[in-house]
Structures are given as structure tokens and as C-alpha cells.
Amino acid sequence: MPQAAGQGASIHHHDEGSWIEKIFKLREHNTTFRTEVVAGLTTFLTMAYIIFVNPSILGAAGMPKEAVFVATCLIAALGTGIMALYANYPIALAPGMGLNAYFAFVVVGQMGFTWQAALGAVFVSGCLFLLVTVTGLRELIVNGIPHSMRVAITVGIGLFLALIALKSAGIVAASPATFVTLGDLHTAPVILSTIGFLLIVALDRLKVPGAILIGILVVTVLSFFFGDNKFNGIVATPPSIAPTFLQLDIMGALKGGILNVILVFFLVELFDATGTLMGVAKRAGLLTEGKMHRLNKALLADSGAIFAGSMLGTSSTTAYVESAAGVQAGGRTGLTALTVAVLFLACLVISPLAGSVPAYATAPALLFVACLMLRELTELDWDESTEVIPAVVTALVMPFTYSIANGLAFGFISYAAVKLLTGRVRDVHAMVWIIAAVFLFKFVYIGG
């Protein structure tokens, strides 16, 4: 487990009466102020790319990039702040990758909707999401997910992170013949990210606090000398958010044709975020019986952020799978998330500095976390094929279709089908049949 345990005793500088201890219950979670802040910084650095990637993707849909940059920083700070103070979970939120691409390239690009109507669709899906969370329907769904599928979600997310990491490092490249192939190993990113990865593994094994963070920072510093990284200064004035603020077109979203879009947003948000929350919370040891009740608060924080994000001017906000990097660094409470929230706010003025951490510097961190998440596979009962096969399908489809929601869809459909064909209908929770049916309906009538 992470290096937090050994520091459990050194909470002396925050006495029991301190507000930090009262809000976050650090002692109860066997963690320290320092561990939590380092974990928050680690999570932030692995996901800070979103404040540059999101504006460039949504910019392709014709949205003003500067305003999207501000909206991205604000919603990440707001959503993660709610997660910290309300749910006390070490999980960060930001506009989701995949959902933003669907928003820009499919809804606006292929279907021809305005970006204002697409924001309207995000708003409506956020309302639906809030509804299923408040009515407890989402908790029913979560409780209906069988143990083997929960394991599969964590493993699938691990594989998905690994693919993202290898791609960012330049080790895996696209190929028309074989889909993926080996990248050019003679480039600085490949060499630097490999050094970073080996450094993180070694430091973590030697129980050096902040191993992941040190790895990211070392590669970033080396990138100025050996990579083509430029130092662009530290501070700049934040641009205006006016061009996207409250620009959503809700009536346009409720017109014909876009209802499909709302359904896709809703389903992906529901399963992506729920899957991520469960996967990361399980990794942090927060899914033990009796601690599940906080999950509902986390789900609520998550749904409120989608709602707010559409008003600020960005695609769906979701729980970030990169939060696993902070959990690995010892993050156990909302103080980790609060650190991330404060850093996202700071980004409004330090955009040049935050922009100088290259993707290949955070890739080693993600790959390291991915390797550790695969350990969950040992929890499967390998003699029970009706549990193992759907779990493995779930885990494999996530990275290969580049979507957590698709992995869940294939997993649930195959789980229900295999149980049905082997006469084990009674073993299956009612929720599984409903989820499988919804996904099947979506594939048959709407397509992927």
C-alpha cells in the first residue's frame, strides 16, 4: 500500500481541535496533512493537461478557446471543491475526455448542432443525472453491480490508463495495419518518460514520500534540456469567460434528434463517473462496508458539477480516473481533493507554468498506477467462468474502444447473456438485467 501508513504518527502539527482534522478526519483515515497535500499535487499534475486539451477540443466545435480555458479551471475547482468538503473523497473532477470529443466531433461536427445546443444537451443530461442521484436510483444501480464487475471496472480503468500513458509517452503509436504499433524509440519523450517510470517505481519501493510527484517533476525539468519544451514564464492575466458563460441553448437541446445525444451523454456520465468513483474509491480502501454511504455524497457532487459546467461553458464534468495517482501517493480524504481544487483556481493566473508540464512527464505516473490497478484481477474467482468472462470482456473493451462506458456495456450484456444461457437467472440482481437491456437498446437503436 502507499507510503502514507508510516507517517500516521506525525500529525502533531495539526491537533485534534484544528478545523482540518474536524472536516477531513485525517487521523481516522490514518493519513497526515503533508501526505494529503502531496497526493493532491500528484493528482493535479497528472490531470492538469485537461486545462489545455479541453479548450483545444471544444475549440474545434467553434467555441472560444480562452473562455473554455477559464470555464475548465473554474468547474474543475468548483466540482473538486464540493467533492472535498461535502463527500470527503480524494477524487478530483474536471470536464471528461471522450465526452468532450463526442461533444465537439460528433454532436457539433457530424450532426451539425450548434455548440450552444450541445451545451443545452449537457445541461439536460445533468438534470437527469441529478434526478437519478437524488432519488437514490443511482445508488440502486451501484449496489446492483456484481463483485466481479466491480473488480473488472478497476482493472479496465487500469488498462485504459496504461494505453493513455503509453500513447502520451510515444511508446505506442497508431498503425493502419495493426491498429497499434511501437512508436519511435529514438525520441526524447520516449527516453525521458522511461527514465521517469523507472524512477517512480524505484522511489515508491524505497518508500520515498511523493515518489510519483518527484518522477513528474524530474521529467519536466529534463524536458527543458533534452526535450523541445519551452519555458513560457509563470504568470498571465486570466481571459474573460463571458463568451461561453450562460450561452447554453436548452430549447435547442430539446428539439428532435438531439434526444439521442442527451441519452448518450447521460449513460456515459452515469457509468463513466460511477465506474471511476468505484474504481478509485476501492483502490483507496473507501468501499468497505459502512463507508459506502459517502459514495452517495460523491455521486451528488459529481452530478452537480455537470449541471454547473454546462452553465460556465464546457462539456460534461466527471470524476477523474487520474485521481488514482493521488490515492497511490497516499491520498485518503477530501484534503487531497481540496488541494487539487485550489491548484485549478491558481491555474487561472499560472497558465504558462501549468502548461509547461508535458504529457510525457505525467505518462510514467499513469503507467505506474495502471500497473498497480491490475492487481485487482487476483480477486476474481477464476473457476467460475460466468463471472470471469464478462469481467475480462469489460476490462479489455475499455482500452480497446477508448471508453469506460463501452466496456461496461459489453460487460453487462455478456454477464446477463452468459447467466441466462447457463440457467443461472436467479443469481443475477434485477438491476443487471435492466442495465444490460438499456445498453442493448442503445446499441441496436442508436449505435455505438
Protein backbone atom coordinates (compact mmCIF):
# COMPACT_ATOMS: atom_id res chain seq x y z
CA MET A 1 0.00 0.00 0.00
CA PRO A 2 1.05 3.66 -0.32
CA GLN A 3 3.67 5.24 1.82
CA ALA A 4 1.10 7.07 3.94
CA ALA A 5 0.87 4.48 6.71
CA GLY A 6 4.32 5.12 8.11
CA GLN A 7 3.60 8.81 8.54
CA GLY A 8 0.42 8.16 10.52
CA ALA A 9 2.04 9.23 13.76
CA SER A 10 3.30 12.62 12.63
CA ILE A 11 0.07 14.57 12.89
CA HIS A 12 1.42 16.61 15.77
CA HIS A 13 1.28 19.95 13.93
CA HIS A 14 -2.50 19.61 13.47
CA ASP A 15 -4.10 18.98 16.84
CA GLU A 16 -7.47 17.31 17.22
CA GLY A 17 -9.23 20.66 17.55
CA SER A 18 -7.97 22.01 14.22
CA TRP A 19 -10.60 22.63 11.56
CA ILE A 20 -8.69 20.48 9.07
CA GLU A 21 -8.93 17.49 11.40
CA LYS A 22 -12.63 18.22 12.04
CA ILE A 23 -13.60 18.43 8.37
CA PHE A 24 -11.37 15.74 6.86
CA LYS A 25 -10.83 13.33 9.80
CA LEU A 26 -7.20 12.71 8.86
CA ARG A 27 -6.49 10.62 11.95
CA GLU A 28 -9.42 8.29 11.30
CA HIS A 29 -8.05 7.70 7.78
CA ASN A 30 -4.52 7.19 9.07
CA THR A 31 -3.07 9.96 6.96
CA THR A 32 -1.33 13.31 7.52
CA PHE A 33 -1.67 16.86 6.26
CA ARG A 34 1.56 16.55 4.31
CA THR A 35 0.64 13.22 2.68
CA GLU A 36 -2.72 14.61 1.57
CA VAL A 37 -1.23 17.77 0.06
CA VAL A 38 1.46 15.81 -1.81
CA ALA A 39 -1.26 13.43 -3.06
CA GLY A 40 -3.33 16.40 -4.23
CA LEU A 41 -0.38 17.89 -6.08
CA THR A 42 0.27 14.49 -7.69
CA THR A 43 -3.34 14.11 -8.87
CA PHE A 44 -3.34 17.68 -10.14
CA LEU A 45 -0.17 17.22 -12.20
CA THR A 46 -1.48 14.02 -13.80
CA MET A 47 -4.71 15.75 -14.88
CA ALA A 48 -3.58 19.36 -15.43
CA TYR A 49 -3.40 18.54 -19.16
CA ILE A 50 -7.19 18.97 -19.29
CA ILE A 51 -6.96 22.76 -18.96
CA PHE A 52 -5.10 22.84 -22.30
CA VAL A 53 -6.63 19.82 -24.03
CA ASN A 54 -10.26 20.73 -23.28
CA PRO A 55 -10.11 24.20 -24.90
CA SER A 56 -8.38 22.78 -27.99
CA ILE A 57 -11.01 20.01 -28.41
CA LEU A 58 -14.02 22.26 -27.76
CA GLY A 59 -12.34 24.95 -29.86
CA ALA A 60 -12.75 22.53 -32.80
CA ALA A 61 -16.51 22.89 -32.26
CA GLY A 62 -16.18 26.64 -32.73
CA MET A 63 -16.14 27.53 -29.03
CA PRO A 64 -13.91 30.45 -27.95
CA LYS A 65 -10.80 28.74 -26.54
CA GLU A 66 -9.83 31.38 -23.97
CA ALA A 67 -13.27 31.31 -22.37
CA VAL A 68 -13.28 27.47 -22.37
CA PHE A 69 -9.88 27.57 -20.61
CA VAL A 70 -11.40 29.69 -17.80
CA ALA A 71 -14.56 27.55 -17.65
CA THR A 72 -12.42 24.38 -17.41
CA CYS A 73 -10.35 25.75 -14.48
CA LEU A 74 -13.44 27.06 -12.67
CA ILE A 75 -15.57 23.90 -12.96
CA ALA A 76 -12.63 21.66 -12.02
CA ALA A 77 -12.06 23.82 -8.90
CA LEU A 78 -15.77 24.01 -8.05
CA GLY A 79 -16.60 20.32 -8.65
CA THR A 80 -13.49 19.07 -6.87
CA GLY A 81 -14.10 21.52 -4.01
CA ILE A 82 -17.62 20.13 -3.48
CA MET A 83 -16.22 16.58 -3.62
CA ALA A 84 -13.68 17.58 -0.95
CA LEU A 85 -15.89 19.42 1.51
CA TYR A 86 -19.17 17.56 1.03
CA ALA A 87 -18.12 13.97 0.32
CA ASN A 88 -14.60 13.99 1.83
CA TYR A 89 -13.33 11.83 -1.06
CA PRO A 90 -9.81 12.13 -2.56
CA ILE A 91 -11.29 12.29 -6.06
CA ALA A 92 -10.96 15.19 -8.49
CA LEU A 93 -13.48 16.29 -11.11
CA ALA A 94 -12.95 18.02 -14.45
CA PRO A 95 -14.50 18.02 -17.94
CA GLY A 96 -14.25 14.42 -19.15
CA MET A 97 -12.04 13.27 -22.01
CA GLY A 98 -14.07 11.29 -24.53
CA LEU A 99 -17.22 13.21 -23.67
CA ASN A 100 -15.62 16.43 -24.89
CA ALA A 101 -14.54 14.71 -28.13
CA TYR A 102 -18.07 13.31 -28.61
CA PHE A 103 -19.43 16.83 -27.96
CA ALA A 104 -17.10 18.51 -30.47
CA PHE A 105 -16.62 15.97 -33.26
CA VAL A 106 -19.92 14.06 -33.25
CA VAL A 107 -22.66 16.34 -31.89
CA VAL A 108 -21.37 19.59 -33.41
CA GLY A 109 -19.10 18.26 -36.18
CA GLN A 110 -21.11 15.36 -37.69
CA MET A 111 -24.68 16.03 -36.52
CA GLY A 112 -24.48 19.75 -37.17
CA PHE A 113 -25.87 21.08 -33.89
CA THR A 114 -24.63 24.43 -32.58
CA TRP A 115 -22.27 24.28 -29.61
CA GLN A 116 -24.89 26.23 -27.66
CA ALA A 117 -27.46 23.44 -28.25
CA ALA A 118 -24.82 20.82 -27.34
CA LEU A 119 -24.24 22.67 -24.02
CA GLY A 120 -28.02 22.59 -23.58
CA ALA A 121 -27.91 18.80 -24.02
CA VAL A 122 -25.18 18.58 -21.35
CA PHE A 123 -27.41 20.67 -19.04
CA VAL A 124 -30.44 18.39 -19.56
CA SER A 125 -28.32 15.25 -19.05
CA GLY A 126 -27.01 16.86 -15.84
CA CYS A 127 -30.59 17.39 -14.63
CA LEU A 128 -31.43 13.71 -15.34
CA PHE A 129 -28.25 12.73 -13.59
CA LEU A 130 -29.11 14.82 -10.53
CA LEU A 131 -32.57 13.23 -10.55
CA VAL A 132 -31.31 9.61 -10.52
CA THR A 133 -28.81 10.54 -7.80
CA VAL A 134 -31.29 12.35 -5.53
CA THR A 135 -33.98 9.67 -5.93
CA GLY A 136 -31.45 7.01 -4.95
CA LEU A 137 -31.76 5.25 -8.31
CA ARG A 138 -28.06 5.65 -8.95
CA GLU A 139 -27.26 4.03 -5.61
CA LEU A 140 -29.51 1.11 -6.58
CA ILE A 141 -27.55 0.78 -9.80
CA VAL A 142 -24.25 0.86 -7.90
CA ASN A 143 -25.42 -1.73 -5.40
CA GLY A 144 -26.65 -3.95 -8.24
CA ILE A 145 -23.19 -4.22 -9.80
CA PRO A 146 -21.81 -7.70 -9.02
CA HIS A 147 -18.44 -8.08 -7.30
CA SER A 148 -16.73 -9.49 -10.39
CA MET A 149 -17.85 -6.47 -12.42
CA ARG A 150 -16.56 -4.07 -9.75
CA VAL A 151 -13.18 -5.73 -9.98
CA ALA A 152 -13.39 -5.52 -13.78
CA ILE A 153 -14.10 -1.78 -13.64
CA THR A 154 -10.91 -1.14 -11.66
CA VAL A 155 -8.83 -3.38 -13.93
CA GLY A 156 -10.38 -1.90 -17.09
CA ILE A 157 -9.62 1.61 -15.89
CA GLY A 158 -6.06 0.44 -15.21
CA LEU A 159 -5.66 -0.86 -18.76
CA PHE A 160 -7.27 2.31 -20.12
CA LEU A 161 -4.80 4.46 -18.14
CA ALA A 162 -1.94 2.29 -19.42
CA LEU A 163 -2.95 2.89 -23.03
CA ILE A 164 -3.26 6.66 -22.45
CA ALA A 165 0.14 6.65 -20.74
CA LEU A 166 1.95 4.64 -23.44
CA LYS A 167 0.41 6.87 -26.12
CA SER A 168 1.42 10.08 -24.29
CA ALA A 169 4.95 8.73 -23.88
CA GLY A 170 5.20 7.92 -27.59
CA ILE A 171 5.84 4.23 -26.90
CA VAL A 172 2.59 3.20 -28.60
CA ALA A 173 1.65 4.75 -31.95
CA ALA A 174 -1.24 4.38 -34.38
CA SER A 175 -0.91 1.99 -37.32
CA PRO A 176 -3.36 1.42 -40.18
CA ALA A 177 -2.35 -2.26 -40.49
CA THR A 178 -2.28 -3.39 -36.87
CA PHE A 179 -4.17 -0.51 -35.12
CA VAL A 180 -1.37 -0.01 -32.61
CA THR A 181 2.35 -0.43 -33.03
CA LEU A 182 5.66 0.57 -31.42
CA GLY A 183 6.44 4.29 -31.61
CA ASP A 184 9.81 5.84 -32.48
CA LEU A 185 12.07 4.89 -29.57
CA HIS A 186 14.76 7.39 -30.57
CA THR A 187 12.77 10.43 -29.42
CA ALA A 188 13.26 12.44 -26.25
CA PRO A 189 9.70 11.82 -24.90
CA VAL A 190 10.14 8.02 -25.01
CA ILE A 191 13.53 8.10 -23.30
CA LEU A 192 12.52 10.70 -20.67
CA SER A 193 9.23 9.01 -19.81
CA THR A 194 11.02 5.64 -19.46
CA ILE A 195 13.51 7.23 -17.04
CA GLY A 196 10.58 8.79 -15.15
CA PHE A 197 8.74 5.48 -14.91
CA LEU A 198 11.75 3.54 -13.58
CA LEU A 199 12.47 6.39 -11.14
CA ILE A 200 8.89 6.30 -9.77
CA VAL A 201 8.93 2.51 -9.35
CA ALA A 202 12.28 2.63 -7.53
CA LEU A 203 11.35 5.57 -5.27
CA ASP A 204 8.00 4.03 -4.41
CA ARG A 205 9.67 0.71 -3.50
CA LEU A 206 12.14 2.59 -1.31
CA LYS A 207 9.13 4.26 0.37
CA VAL A 208 10.16 7.80 -0.59
CA PRO A 209 7.16 10.10 0.06
CA GLY A 210 5.87 11.81 -3.09
CA ALA A 211 7.56 9.29 -5.42
CA ILE A 212 5.05 9.91 -8.23
CA LEU A 213 5.33 13.68 -7.90
CA ILE A 214 9.14 13.56 -7.90
CA GLY A 215 9.02 11.49 -11.11
CA ILE A 216 6.75 14.01 -12.86
CA LEU A 217 8.90 16.98 -11.80
CA VAL A 218 12.21 15.33 -12.77
CA VAL A 219 10.95 14.55 -16.28
CA THR A 220 9.56 18.10 -16.62
CA VAL A 221 12.93 19.63 -15.66
CA LEU A 222 14.80 17.28 -18.04
CA SER A 223 12.34 18.17 -20.83
CA PHE A 224 13.65 21.78 -20.86
CA PHE A 225 17.18 20.48 -21.58
CA PHE A 226 16.60 17.39 -23.72
CA GLY A 227 13.03 17.67 -24.98
CA ASP A 228 11.69 20.51 -27.10
CA ASN A 229 9.95 22.04 -24.09
CA LYS A 230 9.89 25.83 -23.77
CA PHE A 231 9.58 27.73 -20.51
CA ASN A 232 6.88 30.33 -21.15
CA GLY A 233 7.06 32.27 -17.89
CA ILE A 234 4.86 31.82 -14.86
CA VAL A 235 2.00 34.29 -14.57
CA ALA A 236 -0.54 35.73 -17.01
CA THR A 237 -3.89 37.52 -16.59
CA PRO A 238 -6.87 35.16 -16.97
CA PRO A 239 -9.01 35.72 -20.10
CA SER A 240 -12.75 36.51 -19.90
CA ILE A 241 -15.36 33.76 -19.52
CA ALA A 242 -18.14 35.95 -20.99
CA PRO A 243 -18.21 34.30 -24.48
CA THR A 244 -19.33 30.92 -23.04
CA PHE A 245 -20.97 31.89 -19.73
CA LEU A 246 -24.71 31.01 -19.74
CA GLN A 247 -24.61 30.57 -23.53
CA LEU A 248 -26.37 27.18 -23.42
CA ASP A 249 -29.44 26.72 -25.63
CA ILE A 250 -31.79 24.44 -23.69
CA MET A 251 -34.73 24.73 -26.11
CA GLY A 252 -32.41 23.85 -28.99
CA ALA A 253 -31.35 20.79 -26.99
CA LEU A 254 -34.92 19.55 -26.59
CA LYS A 255 -35.68 19.61 -30.32
CA GLY A 256 -35.75 16.40 -32.37
CA GLY A 257 -32.65 14.31 -32.96
CA ILE A 258 -30.69 15.62 -30.01
CA LEU A 259 -32.63 13.43 -27.55
CA ASN A 260 -30.31 10.61 -28.62
CA VAL A 261 -27.41 12.86 -27.75
CA ILE A 262 -28.85 13.58 -24.28
CA LEU A 263 -29.25 9.82 -23.72
CA VAL A 264 -25.64 9.13 -24.75
CA PHE A 265 -24.33 11.93 -22.51
CA PHE A 266 -26.45 10.63 -19.65
CA LEU A 267 -25.43 6.97 -19.98
CA VAL A 268 -21.74 7.72 -20.43
CA GLU A 269 -21.76 10.16 -17.49
CA LEU A 270 -23.64 7.68 -15.33
CA PHE A 271 -21.35 4.73 -15.98
CA ASP A 272 -18.10 6.58 -16.58
CA ALA A 273 -18.34 8.57 -13.38
CA THR A 274 -19.83 5.77 -11.30
CA GLY A 275 -17.19 3.35 -12.61
CA THR A 276 -14.37 5.80 -11.90
CA LEU A 277 -15.66 6.66 -8.43
CA MET A 278 -15.98 2.98 -7.51
CA GLY A 279 -12.65 2.01 -9.05
CA VAL A 280 -10.67 4.77 -7.33
CA ALA A 281 -12.57 4.55 -4.02
CA LYS A 282 -11.94 0.78 -3.95
CA ARG A 283 -8.23 1.43 -4.55
CA ALA A 284 -8.24 3.86 -1.58
CA GLY A 285 -9.98 1.31 0.65
CA LEU A 286 -13.06 3.55 0.93
CA LEU A 287 -15.58 0.99 -0.33
CA THR A 288 -15.58 -1.16 2.77
CA GLU A 289 -18.98 -1.78 4.35
CA GLY A 290 -20.08 1.18 6.40
CA LYS A 291 -18.10 3.65 4.31
CA MET A 292 -20.30 3.21 1.24
CA HIS A 293 -22.71 5.91 2.45
CA ARG A 294 -20.19 8.60 1.47
CA LEU A 295 -20.36 7.31 -2.09
CA ASN A 296 -23.81 8.84 -2.47
CA LYS A 297 -22.45 12.25 -1.48
CA ALA A 298 -19.65 11.76 -4.01
CA LEU A 299 -22.22 10.89 -6.69
CA LEU A 300 -24.16 14.05 -5.82
CA ALA A 301 -21.05 16.25 -6.04
CA ASP A 302 -20.40 14.70 -9.41
CA SER A 303 -23.90 15.32 -10.83
CA GLY A 304 -23.98 18.91 -9.55
CA ALA A 305 -20.75 19.63 -11.42
CA ILE A 306 -22.20 18.60 -14.82
CA PHE A 307 -25.05 20.99 -14.25
CA ALA A 308 -22.75 23.90 -13.29
CA GLY A 309 -20.23 23.15 -16.05
CA SER A 310 -22.82 23.49 -18.81
CA MET A 311 -23.60 26.99 -17.50
CA LEU A 312 -19.94 28.02 -17.35
CA GLY A 313 -19.42 26.69 -20.87
CA THR A 314 -17.84 23.25 -21.02
CA SER A 315 -18.84 19.67 -21.86
CA SER A 316 -19.72 17.13 -19.14
CA THR A 317 -17.67 17.19 -15.95
CA THR A 318 -16.84 13.81 -14.45
CA ALA A 319 -14.76 12.08 -11.79
CA TYR A 320 -11.17 11.77 -12.99
CA VAL A 321 -9.54 8.41 -13.25
CA GLU A 322 -6.16 10.13 -12.74
CA SER A 323 -7.23 10.60 -9.09
CA ALA A 324 -5.84 7.06 -8.70
CA ALA A 325 -2.34 8.60 -8.88
CA GLY A 326 -3.06 10.71 -5.77
CA VAL A 327 -4.59 7.73 -3.98
CA GLN A 328 -1.43 5.77 -4.73
CA ALA A 329 0.56 8.66 -3.25
CA GLY A 330 -1.42 8.22 -0.01
CA GLY A 331 -4.47 10.47 -0.52
CA ARG A 332 -7.40 9.23 1.56
CA THR A 333 -9.59 12.25 2.32
CA GLY A 334 -11.13 15.35 0.80
CA LEU A 335 -7.99 17.31 1.71
CA THR A 336 -6.37 15.72 -1.34
CA ALA A 337 -9.26 16.96 -3.49
CA LEU A 338 -9.22 20.41 -1.85
CA THR A 339 -5.54 20.74 -2.78
CA VAL A 340 -6.43 19.91 -6.40
CA ALA A 341 -9.29 22.48 -6.34
CA VAL A 342 -7.00 25.25 -5.07
CA LEU A 343 -4.40 24.42 -7.75
CA PHE A 344 -7.03 24.58 -10.52
CA LEU A 345 -8.05 28.05 -9.27
CA ALA A 346 -4.38 29.06 -9.23
CA CYS A 347 -4.16 27.92 -12.85
CA LEU A 348 -6.25 30.89 -13.89
CA VAL A 349 -3.16 33.04 -13.40
CA ILE A 350 -0.35 30.50 -13.80
CA SER A 351 -1.46 29.14 -17.15
CA PRO A 352 2.03 29.48 -18.74
CA LEU A 353 3.66 27.48 -15.91
CA ALA A 354 0.99 24.76 -15.74
CA GLY A 355 1.30 24.45 -19.49
CA SER A 356 4.95 23.57 -19.29
CA VAL A 357 4.42 20.08 -17.82
CA PRO A 358 4.44 17.90 -20.98
CA ALA A 359 2.16 14.88 -21.42
CA TYR A 360 5.18 12.56 -21.43
CA ALA A 361 6.10 13.77 -17.91
CA THR A 362 2.79 12.61 -16.43
CA ALA A 363 2.69 9.43 -18.56
CA PRO A 364 5.09 7.49 -16.26
CA ALA A 365 2.85 8.29 -13.28
CA LEU A 366 -0.23 7.00 -15.06
CA LEU A 367 1.54 3.86 -16.25
CA PHE A 368 2.78 3.14 -12.72
CA VAL A 369 -0.74 3.49 -11.30
CA ALA A 370 -2.12 1.34 -14.14
CA CYS A 371 0.30 -1.47 -13.30
CA LEU A 372 -0.86 -1.45 -9.68
CA MET A 373 -4.56 -1.44 -10.58
CA LEU A 374 -4.19 -4.76 -12.41
CA ARG A 375 -3.55 -6.41 -9.07
CA GLU A 376 -7.33 -6.48 -8.53
CA LEU A 377 -7.52 -9.37 -11.03
CA THR A 378 -6.47 -11.73 -8.25
CA GLU A 379 -9.84 -11.10 -6.56
CA LEU A 380 -11.74 -12.89 -9.33
CA ASP A 381 -12.88 -16.47 -8.81
CA TRP A 382 -11.15 -17.93 -11.86
CA ASP A 383 -13.04 -21.24 -11.62
CA GLU A 384 -16.42 -19.54 -12.19
CA SER A 385 -16.41 -18.71 -15.91
CA THR A 386 -19.81 -16.98 -15.85
CA GLU A 387 -18.27 -14.34 -13.57
CA VAL A 388 -14.75 -14.21 -15.02
CA ILE A 389 -15.53 -13.98 -18.75
CA PRO A 390 -17.83 -10.92 -18.53
CA ALA A 391 -15.33 -9.28 -16.17
CA VAL A 392 -12.45 -9.83 -18.59
CA VAL A 393 -14.59 -8.61 -21.52
CA THR A 394 -15.33 -5.43 -19.55
CA ALA A 395 -11.66 -4.84 -18.77
CA LEU A 396 -10.50 -5.46 -22.36
CA VAL A 397 -13.16 -3.42 -24.14
CA MET A 398 -12.41 -0.26 -22.11
CA PRO A 399 -8.91 0.38 -23.50
CA PHE A 400 -9.62 -1.07 -26.96
CA THR A 401 -12.65 1.16 -27.61
CA TYR A 402 -11.14 4.02 -25.61
CA SER A 403 -14.26 4.24 -23.46
CA ILE A 404 -15.11 3.20 -19.90
CA ALA A 405 -18.83 3.22 -20.72
CA ASN A 406 -18.41 0.84 -23.71
CA GLY A 407 -16.52 -1.60 -21.52
CA LEU A 408 -19.38 -1.56 -19.01
CA ALA A 409 -21.93 -2.02 -21.78
CA PHE A 410 -20.21 -5.11 -23.23
CA GLY A 411 -19.60 -6.45 -19.74
CA PHE A 412 -23.20 -6.15 -18.56
CA ILE A 413 -24.67 -7.56 -21.79
CA SER A 414 -22.30 -10.55 -21.74
CA TYR A 415 -22.88 -11.06 -17.98
CA ALA A 416 -26.65 -11.22 -18.45
CA ALA A 417 -26.39 -13.40 -21.59
CA VAL A 418 -23.99 -15.93 -20.05
CA LYS A 419 -26.09 -16.25 -16.88
CA LEU A 420 -29.24 -16.68 -18.98
CA LEU A 421 -27.70 -19.36 -21.21
CA THR A 422 -26.33 -21.36 -18.27
CA GLY A 423 -29.62 -21.29 -16.35
CA ARG A 424 -28.35 -19.03 -13.55
CA VAL A 425 -31.04 -16.38 -13.89
CA ARG A 426 -31.75 -16.41 -10.15
CA ASP A 427 -28.16 -15.44 -9.29
CA VAL A 428 -28.50 -12.14 -11.13
CA HIS A 429 -29.55 -8.88 -9.46
CA ALA A 430 -32.57 -7.28 -11.17
CA MET A 431 -30.51 -4.14 -11.83
CA VAL A 432 -28.12 -6.12 -14.06
CA TRP A 433 -30.98 -7.12 -16.39
CA ILE A 434 -32.18 -3.52 -16.60
CA ILE A 435 -28.70 -2.11 -17.28
CA ALA A 436 -27.98 -4.81 -19.89
CA ALA A 437 -31.33 -4.12 -21.60
CA VAL A 438 -30.69 -0.35 -21.70
CA PHE A 439 -27.24 -0.86 -23.24
CA LEU A 440 -28.58 -3.37 -25.74
CA PHE A 441 -31.32 -0.93 -26.72
CA LYS A 442 -28.74 1.83 -27.13
CA PHE A 443 -26.52 -0.33 -29.38
CA VAL A 444 -29.40 -1.60 -31.50
CA TYR A 445 -31.23 1.70 -31.99
CA ILE A 446 -28.61 4.39 -31.61
CA GLY A 447 -25.40 2.54 -32.47
CA GLY A 448 -22.12 2.95 -30.61
